[in-house]
Amino acid sequence: MASRVVVLRLGDITRFLDGERFSLSRRQCEQQAGEFPYYGPQGIIARINSFAYEGEYLLFADAPPRNLPSVPVFVASGRFSASTRVHILACVEEVEPRFLCRCLNALPRAALFRPPWPESIKDIEIALLPPDDQRQILTALSGIEKKTALLREQNRVLNGMAQSLFDQYFIFGDRTPRPLGDFVMFRSAAQDRTPGQDRAAPLATVSPLRASESFPPEGTVFHNLFLYPREDLSPMFTRLLVKSPEFLIHAENCLEHRGGRRQLNAERLMTFEINGPLAHSRSLGPFPAGAYPEFNAFALNAENKIAANDAELKILAGIEQSLFFNT
């Protein structure tokens, strides 16, 4: 198939249609709210009551290199409008816009955004296949994308179910409150010499608390702190714990100012209360085996399924790369 590849200038297979773009403020978008997409460099930024384009086009983000979106070129189809921060390119009949879009996004950013900008867009060189080959590859890629989306959705649902079960068992359950130290071991990276580090959940990976605030705050020092679940608890315990809003709020309250920086008070963190079994206390030693059979069983099944999905996702990504980049 490589012998059928032709290298062409982007300016020879597309034409600019920037004349119908227009800028709208957020207020104007709200005043003109409607059904038609209004595109910016990151994709759809609003829906308005008018359209300037109809068909399938390439949209090329017009942004400084340091502020580039992860995918600087994307396809818009149907009826839509666009801001002046994207360039509109119409493809010649022999070129599939979605195939060309993938070709462009596969190029290094330096090849896409060269001075003089945006005139240099026309000089970008693209390796293209005949139209029939383009369509065959797009059909195969479509199947891969659908399978990939399904696997990711399965992982999202499994993680959500696990989080709900965790909250039911350990946060909101009607059981005896116990300090976090009864459930986990708390170590720094320097202290940790134990096997099974895959059981650890780094505190530094906790999620944002609110839309306007993130945890950890800027300047916070964690020194690579890790939480390890006790032996009779699934490794998923700590990974779900650091995503729990109640735990995040408690952790935020454990930050202290020391020497002009915010550091985590580990002893105070370990006072977070977990709903434990009625019969358990520190004096009784480790948890009895199978103290949480339902949670552990679901966590094991969920982790195995997520791991299998992740392995399949890697295989699909490899097939996609081979299918597209070896043409």
Protein backbone atom coordinates (compact mmCIF):
# COMPACT_ATOMS: atom_id res chain seq x y z
CA MET A 1 0.00 0.00 0.00
CA ALA A 2 2.94 2.31 0.66
CA SER A 3 3.67 2.42 -3.10
CA ARG A 4 0.28 4.07 -3.63
CA VAL A 5 1.04 6.96 -1.28
CA VAL A 6 1.32 10.40 -2.86
CA VAL A 7 2.84 13.39 -1.06
CA LEU A 8 0.88 16.60 -1.68
CA ARG A 9 0.79 20.15 -0.38
CA LEU A 10 -2.22 20.94 1.79
CA GLY A 11 -2.87 23.99 -0.36
CA ASP A 12 -3.30 21.72 -3.41
CA ILE A 13 -6.02 19.55 -1.84
CA THR A 14 -7.91 22.12 0.25
CA ARG A 15 -9.16 25.68 0.01
CA PHE A 16 -9.67 28.26 2.74
CA LEU A 17 -13.24 29.33 3.50
CA ASP A 18 -12.56 31.77 6.33
CA GLY A 19 -14.76 34.53 5.00
CA GLU A 20 -17.91 33.49 6.92
CA ARG A 21 -16.32 33.24 10.38
CA PHE A 22 -17.35 35.67 13.10
CA SER A 23 -16.58 36.33 16.75
CA LEU A 24 -19.16 36.19 19.52
CA SER A 25 -18.74 37.01 23.19
CA ARG A 26 -20.17 34.71 25.82
CA ARG A 27 -23.00 37.16 26.34
CA GLN A 28 -23.78 37.24 22.61
CA CYS A 29 -23.79 33.43 22.51
CA GLU A 30 -26.36 33.42 25.31
CA GLN A 31 -28.49 36.02 23.53
CA GLN A 32 -28.37 34.05 20.27
CA ALA A 33 -28.81 30.59 21.78
CA GLY A 34 -30.12 28.00 19.32
CA GLU A 35 -29.49 24.58 17.77
CA PHE A 36 -26.45 25.13 15.54
CA PRO A 37 -22.90 24.44 16.82
CA TYR A 38 -20.52 27.38 17.13
CA TYR A 39 -16.90 26.17 17.00
CA GLY A 40 -13.73 27.47 18.59
CA PRO A 41 -10.20 25.98 18.84
CA GLN A 42 -11.35 23.41 21.41
CA GLY A 43 -14.46 22.31 19.54
CA ILE A 44 -18.07 23.36 20.14
CA ILE A 45 -18.17 26.35 22.50
CA ALA A 46 -21.86 27.25 22.13
CA ARG A 47 -25.03 26.57 20.16
CA ILE A 48 -26.56 29.53 18.38
CA ASN A 49 -29.59 30.28 16.22
CA SER A 50 -27.80 30.69 12.87
CA PHE A 51 -25.26 28.87 10.71
CA ALA A 52 -22.63 29.99 8.21
CA TYR A 53 -21.41 26.64 6.86
CA GLU A 54 -23.10 23.47 5.65
CA GLY A 55 -21.27 20.27 4.79
CA GLU A 56 -18.11 18.57 6.06
CA TYR A 57 -15.02 20.69 6.67
CA LEU A 58 -11.67 20.64 8.43
CA LEU A 59 -11.28 23.13 11.26
CA PHE A 60 -7.71 24.18 12.01
CA ALA A 61 -7.12 25.77 15.42
CA ASP A 62 -5.53 29.22 15.25
CA ALA A 63 -3.64 29.41 18.54
CA PRO A 64 -0.07 30.08 19.75
CA PRO A 65 1.94 26.81 20.02
CA ARG A 66 2.02 26.92 23.82
CA ASN A 67 -1.79 27.13 23.97
CA LEU A 68 -2.56 24.46 21.39
CA PRO A 69 -5.45 22.08 22.06
CA SER A 70 -4.55 18.39 22.24
CA VAL A 71 -6.13 17.91 18.81
CA PRO A 72 -5.47 21.05 16.74
CA VAL A 73 -7.38 19.82 13.67
CA PHE A 74 -10.88 18.37 13.75
CA VAL A 75 -13.87 17.78 11.47
CA ALA A 76 -17.15 19.69 11.61
CA SER A 77 -20.15 18.51 9.62
CA GLY A 78 -23.73 19.58 9.04
CA ARG A 79 -24.79 23.16 9.65
CA PHE A 80 -22.54 25.19 11.93
CA SER A 81 -20.70 28.47 12.49
CA ALA A 82 -17.14 29.15 13.61
CA SER A 83 -15.18 31.80 15.44
CA THR A 84 -12.22 33.66 13.94
CA ARG A 85 -9.92 31.51 16.07
CA VAL A 86 -10.25 28.55 13.69
CA HIS A 87 -9.55 28.26 9.97
CA ILE A 88 -12.07 26.50 7.73
CA LEU A 89 -10.69 24.19 5.04
CA ALA A 90 -12.76 22.47 2.35
CA CYS A 91 -11.26 19.30 0.86
CA VAL A 92 -11.20 18.43 -2.82
CA GLU A 93 -13.41 15.53 -3.87
CA GLU A 94 -10.56 12.99 -3.86
CA VAL A 95 -9.80 13.57 -0.17
CA GLU A 96 -11.81 12.32 2.80
CA PRO A 97 -11.84 15.10 5.45
CA ARG A 98 -11.72 12.62 8.36
CA PHE A 99 -8.69 10.85 6.83
CA LEU A 100 -6.88 14.12 6.20
CA CYS A 101 -7.70 15.20 9.74
CA ARG A 102 -5.93 12.12 11.13
CA CYS A 103 -2.94 12.73 8.87
CA LEU A 104 -2.58 16.30 10.10
CA ASN A 105 -2.94 15.45 13.78
CA ALA A 106 -0.25 12.77 13.36
CA LEU A 107 2.29 15.39 12.31
CA PRO A 108 4.61 17.10 14.84
CA ARG A 109 3.26 20.41 16.08
CA ALA A 110 6.31 22.17 14.65
CA ALA A 111 5.29 20.98 11.18
CA LEU A 112 1.76 22.32 11.59
CA PHE A 113 2.54 25.72 13.05
CA ARG A 114 5.41 27.34 11.16
CA PRO A 115 5.94 30.99 10.36
CA PRO A 116 4.60 32.83 8.53
CA TRP A 117 1.30 31.77 10.14
CA PRO A 118 -1.36 31.06 8.89
CA GLU A 119 -0.05 31.27 5.32
CA SER A 120 2.25 28.30 6.01
CA ILE A 121 -0.78 25.99 6.32
CA LYS A 122 -0.86 25.70 2.55
CA ASP A 123 2.74 24.42 2.46
CA ILE A 124 2.19 21.50 4.88
CA GLU A 125 3.04 18.25 3.09
CA ILE A 126 0.69 15.30 3.51
CA ALA A 127 1.11 11.66 2.44
CA LEU A 128 -2.23 10.47 1.03
CA LEU A 129 -3.68 7.23 -0.29
CA PRO A 130 -6.22 6.86 -3.12
CA PRO A 131 -9.85 7.66 -2.09
CA ASP A 132 -10.96 4.00 -1.90
CA ASP A 133 -8.08 3.15 0.45
CA GLN A 134 -8.90 6.17 2.59
CA ARG A 135 -12.50 5.00 2.98
CA GLN A 136 -11.50 1.41 3.79
CA ILE A 137 -9.15 2.57 6.53
CA LEU A 138 -11.77 4.93 7.96
CA THR A 139 -14.30 2.07 8.07
CA ALA A 140 -11.86 -0.11 10.00
CA LEU A 141 -10.95 2.75 12.33
CA SER A 142 -14.62 3.43 13.00
CA GLY A 143 -15.06 -0.11 14.32
CA ILE A 144 -12.00 0.28 16.54
CA GLU A 145 -13.28 3.60 17.89
CA LYS A 146 -16.67 2.11 18.75
CA LYS A 147 -15.05 -0.81 20.58
CA THR A 148 -12.68 1.56 22.39
CA ALA A 149 -15.57 3.77 23.50
CA LEU A 150 -17.47 0.70 24.77
CA LEU A 151 -14.51 -0.55 26.82
CA ARG A 152 -13.91 2.89 28.33
CA GLU A 153 -17.58 3.19 29.23
CA GLN A 154 -17.47 -0.24 30.90
CA ASN A 155 -14.48 0.90 32.96
CA ARG A 156 -16.27 4.11 33.91
CA VAL A 157 -19.37 2.21 35.05
CA LEU A 158 -17.32 -0.34 37.02
CA ASN A 159 -15.37 2.40 38.78
CA GLY A 160 -18.61 4.21 39.57
CA MET A 161 -20.20 1.06 41.00
CA ALA A 162 -17.10 0.38 43.08
CA GLN A 163 -17.14 3.93 44.43
CA SER A 164 -20.82 3.61 45.37
CA LEU A 165 -20.21 0.31 47.15
CA PHE A 166 -17.20 1.81 48.94
CA ASP A 167 -19.29 4.75 50.15
CA GLN A 168 -22.06 2.39 51.29
CA TYR A 169 -19.66 0.18 53.24
CA PHE A 170 -17.12 2.61 54.63
CA ILE A 171 -18.47 6.17 54.56
CA PHE A 172 -22.23 6.13 55.08
CA GLY A 173 -22.75 2.60 56.41
CA ASP A 174 -24.44 2.03 59.77
CA ARG A 175 -21.39 0.62 61.52
CA THR A 176 -18.94 1.52 64.26
CA PRO A 177 -16.72 4.49 63.28
CA ARG A 178 -13.03 3.61 63.42
CA PRO A 179 -9.95 5.77 62.70
CA LEU A 180 -8.38 5.47 59.27
CA GLY A 181 -5.29 3.93 60.84
CA ASP A 182 -7.28 0.76 61.54
CA PHE A 183 -7.74 0.28 57.81
CA VAL A 184 -4.55 1.51 56.15
CA MET A 185 -0.83 1.89 56.70
CA PHE A 186 0.60 5.32 56.00
CA ARG A 187 4.14 5.51 54.61
CA SER A 188 6.41 7.88 52.74
CA ALA A 189 8.34 6.73 49.68
CA ALA A 190 11.55 6.80 51.75
CA GLN A 191 10.01 4.51 54.39
CA ASP A 192 8.46 2.13 51.93
CA ARG A 193 10.45 -1.04 51.37
CA THR A 194 7.53 -3.43 51.41
CA PRO A 195 6.46 -5.60 48.45
CA GLY A 196 3.17 -5.05 46.71
CA GLN A 197 3.43 -1.36 45.92
CA ASP A 198 0.54 -1.83 43.53
CA ARG A 199 -1.65 -1.77 46.64
CA ALA A 200 -0.67 1.85 47.32
CA ALA A 201 -2.68 4.95 46.50
CA PRO A 202 -0.49 8.08 46.34
CA LEU A 203 -2.21 10.98 48.08
CA ALA A 204 -0.86 13.31 45.43
CA THR A 205 -3.35 11.89 42.91
CA VAL A 206 -6.50 13.09 44.65
CA SER A 207 -9.17 14.77 42.53
CA PRO A 208 -10.39 18.39 42.55
CA LEU A 209 -12.68 19.24 45.45
CA ARG A 210 -14.72 21.90 43.72
CA ALA A 211 -14.82 23.50 40.30
CA SER A 212 -13.00 26.60 41.57
CA GLU A 213 -10.55 24.83 43.91
CA SER A 214 -8.21 21.93 43.48
CA PHE A 215 -6.54 19.71 46.01
CA PRO A 216 -3.67 19.70 46.71
CA PRO A 217 -3.36 23.52 46.71
CA GLU A 218 -0.37 25.07 45.01
CA GLY A 219 2.72 24.87 47.19
CA THR A 220 1.56 21.80 49.11
CA VAL A 221 4.31 19.31 49.96
CA PHE A 222 3.44 15.61 50.04
CA HIS A 223 6.89 13.96 50.01
CA ASN A 224 5.39 11.00 48.07
CA LEU A 225 3.02 9.82 50.76
CA PHE A 226 1.25 6.51 50.23
CA LEU A 227 -1.69 4.70 51.79
CA TYR A 228 -1.63 0.89 51.93
CA PRO A 229 -4.78 -1.12 52.71
CA ARG A 230 -4.60 -3.73 55.45
CA GLU A 231 -4.08 -7.24 54.15
CA ASP A 232 -7.73 -8.33 54.23
CA LEU A 233 -8.89 -5.34 52.19
CA SER A 234 -8.81 -5.07 48.42
CA PRO A 235 -6.14 -2.73 46.95
CA MET A 236 -9.08 -0.84 45.45
CA PHE A 237 -9.92 0.40 48.96
CA THR A 238 -7.25 3.10 49.01
CA ARG A 239 -7.75 4.07 45.38
CA LEU A 240 -11.44 4.69 46.08
CA LEU A 241 -10.69 6.39 49.39
CA VAL A 242 -8.64 9.17 47.80
CA LYS A 243 -11.55 9.90 45.42
CA SER A 244 -14.11 10.22 48.20
CA PRO A 245 -15.25 13.86 48.66
CA GLU A 246 -15.53 13.35 52.42
CA PHE A 247 -11.91 12.19 52.61
CA LEU A 248 -10.71 15.02 50.36
CA ILE A 249 -12.35 17.60 52.58
CA HIS A 250 -10.77 16.02 55.66
CA ALA A 251 -7.36 15.91 53.94
CA GLU A 252 -7.65 19.58 53.02
CA ASN A 253 -8.31 20.39 56.68
CA CYS A 254 -5.13 18.50 57.60
CA LEU A 255 -2.91 20.92 55.69
CA GLU A 256 -0.74 23.09 57.92
CA HIS A 257 1.53 26.06 57.26
CA ARG A 258 5.15 25.21 58.00
CA GLY A 259 8.02 27.42 56.94
CA GLY A 260 5.85 29.26 54.44
CA ARG A 261 4.58 26.05 52.80
CA ARG A 262 1.52 23.91 53.31
CA GLN A 263 2.29 20.38 54.48
CA LEU A 264 0.07 17.47 55.35
CA ASN A 265 -0.29 16.50 59.01
CA ALA A 266 -0.19 12.71 58.66
CA GLU A 267 -1.26 11.99 62.24
CA ARG A 268 -4.31 14.18 61.87
CA LEU A 269 -5.10 12.64 58.50
CA MET A 270 -5.27 9.20 60.11
CA THR A 271 -8.09 10.36 62.42
CA PHE A 272 -10.49 10.25 59.46
CA GLU A 273 -13.30 7.95 60.50
CA ILE A 274 -14.21 4.84 58.53
CA ASN A 275 -17.28 2.77 59.32
CA GLY A 276 -15.78 -0.53 60.44
CA PRO A 277 -17.29 -3.81 61.62
CA LEU A 278 -18.79 -3.74 65.10
CA ALA A 279 -16.45 -6.39 66.47
CA HIS A 280 -13.21 -4.76 65.34
CA SER A 281 -10.78 -2.74 67.43
CA ARG A 282 -7.04 -2.23 67.38
CA SER A 283 -6.63 -4.54 70.36
CA LEU A 284 -8.02 -7.42 68.34
CA GLY A 285 -5.23 -7.13 65.78
CA PRO A 286 -5.83 -7.51 62.02
CA PHE A 287 -9.26 -7.75 60.51
CA PRO A 288 -10.78 -11.21 60.57
CA ALA A 289 -10.46 -12.82 57.15
CA GLY A 290 -13.29 -11.85 54.85
CA ALA A 291 -14.49 -8.97 57.03
CA TYR A 292 -15.89 -7.35 53.90
CA PRO A 293 -16.67 -10.25 51.55
CA GLU A 294 -19.12 -8.34 49.36
CA PHE A 295 -16.80 -5.35 48.83
CA ASN A 296 -13.71 -7.49 48.33
CA ALA A 297 -15.45 -9.83 45.91
CA PHE A 298 -16.84 -6.98 43.80
CA ALA A 299 -13.51 -5.13 43.90
CA LEU A 300 -11.65 -8.23 42.73
CA ASN A 301 -14.06 -8.83 39.85
CA ALA A 302 -14.06 -5.13 38.92
CA GLU A 303 -10.27 -4.88 38.96
CA ASN A 304 -9.91 -8.02 36.84
CA LYS A 305 -12.43 -6.73 34.31
CA ILE A 306 -10.86 -3.26 34.20
CA ALA A 307 -7.41 -4.80 33.75
CA ALA A 308 -8.72 -7.00 30.91
CA ASN A 309 -10.36 -3.96 29.29
CA ASP A 310 -7.16 -1.94 29.62
CA ALA A 311 -5.19 -4.74 27.98
CA GLU A 312 -7.67 -4.84 25.10
CA LEU A 313 -7.51 -1.06 24.77
CA LYS A 314 -3.74 -1.30 24.34
CA ILE A 315 -4.18 -3.93 21.65
CA LEU A 316 -6.74 -1.79 19.82
CA ALA A 317 -4.45 1.24 20.04
CA GLY A 318 -1.66 -0.82 18.51
CA ILE A 319 -3.92 -2.02 15.69
CA GLU A 320 -5.06 1.54 15.03
CA GLN A 321 -1.51 2.82 14.92
CA SER A 322 -0.43 -0.02 12.64
CA LEU A 323 -3.43 0.45 10.37
CA PHE A 324 -2.98 4.18 10.00
CA PHE A 325 0.74 4.86 10.20
CA ASN A 326 1.94 1.88 8.14
CA THR A 327 -0.03 2.91 5.11
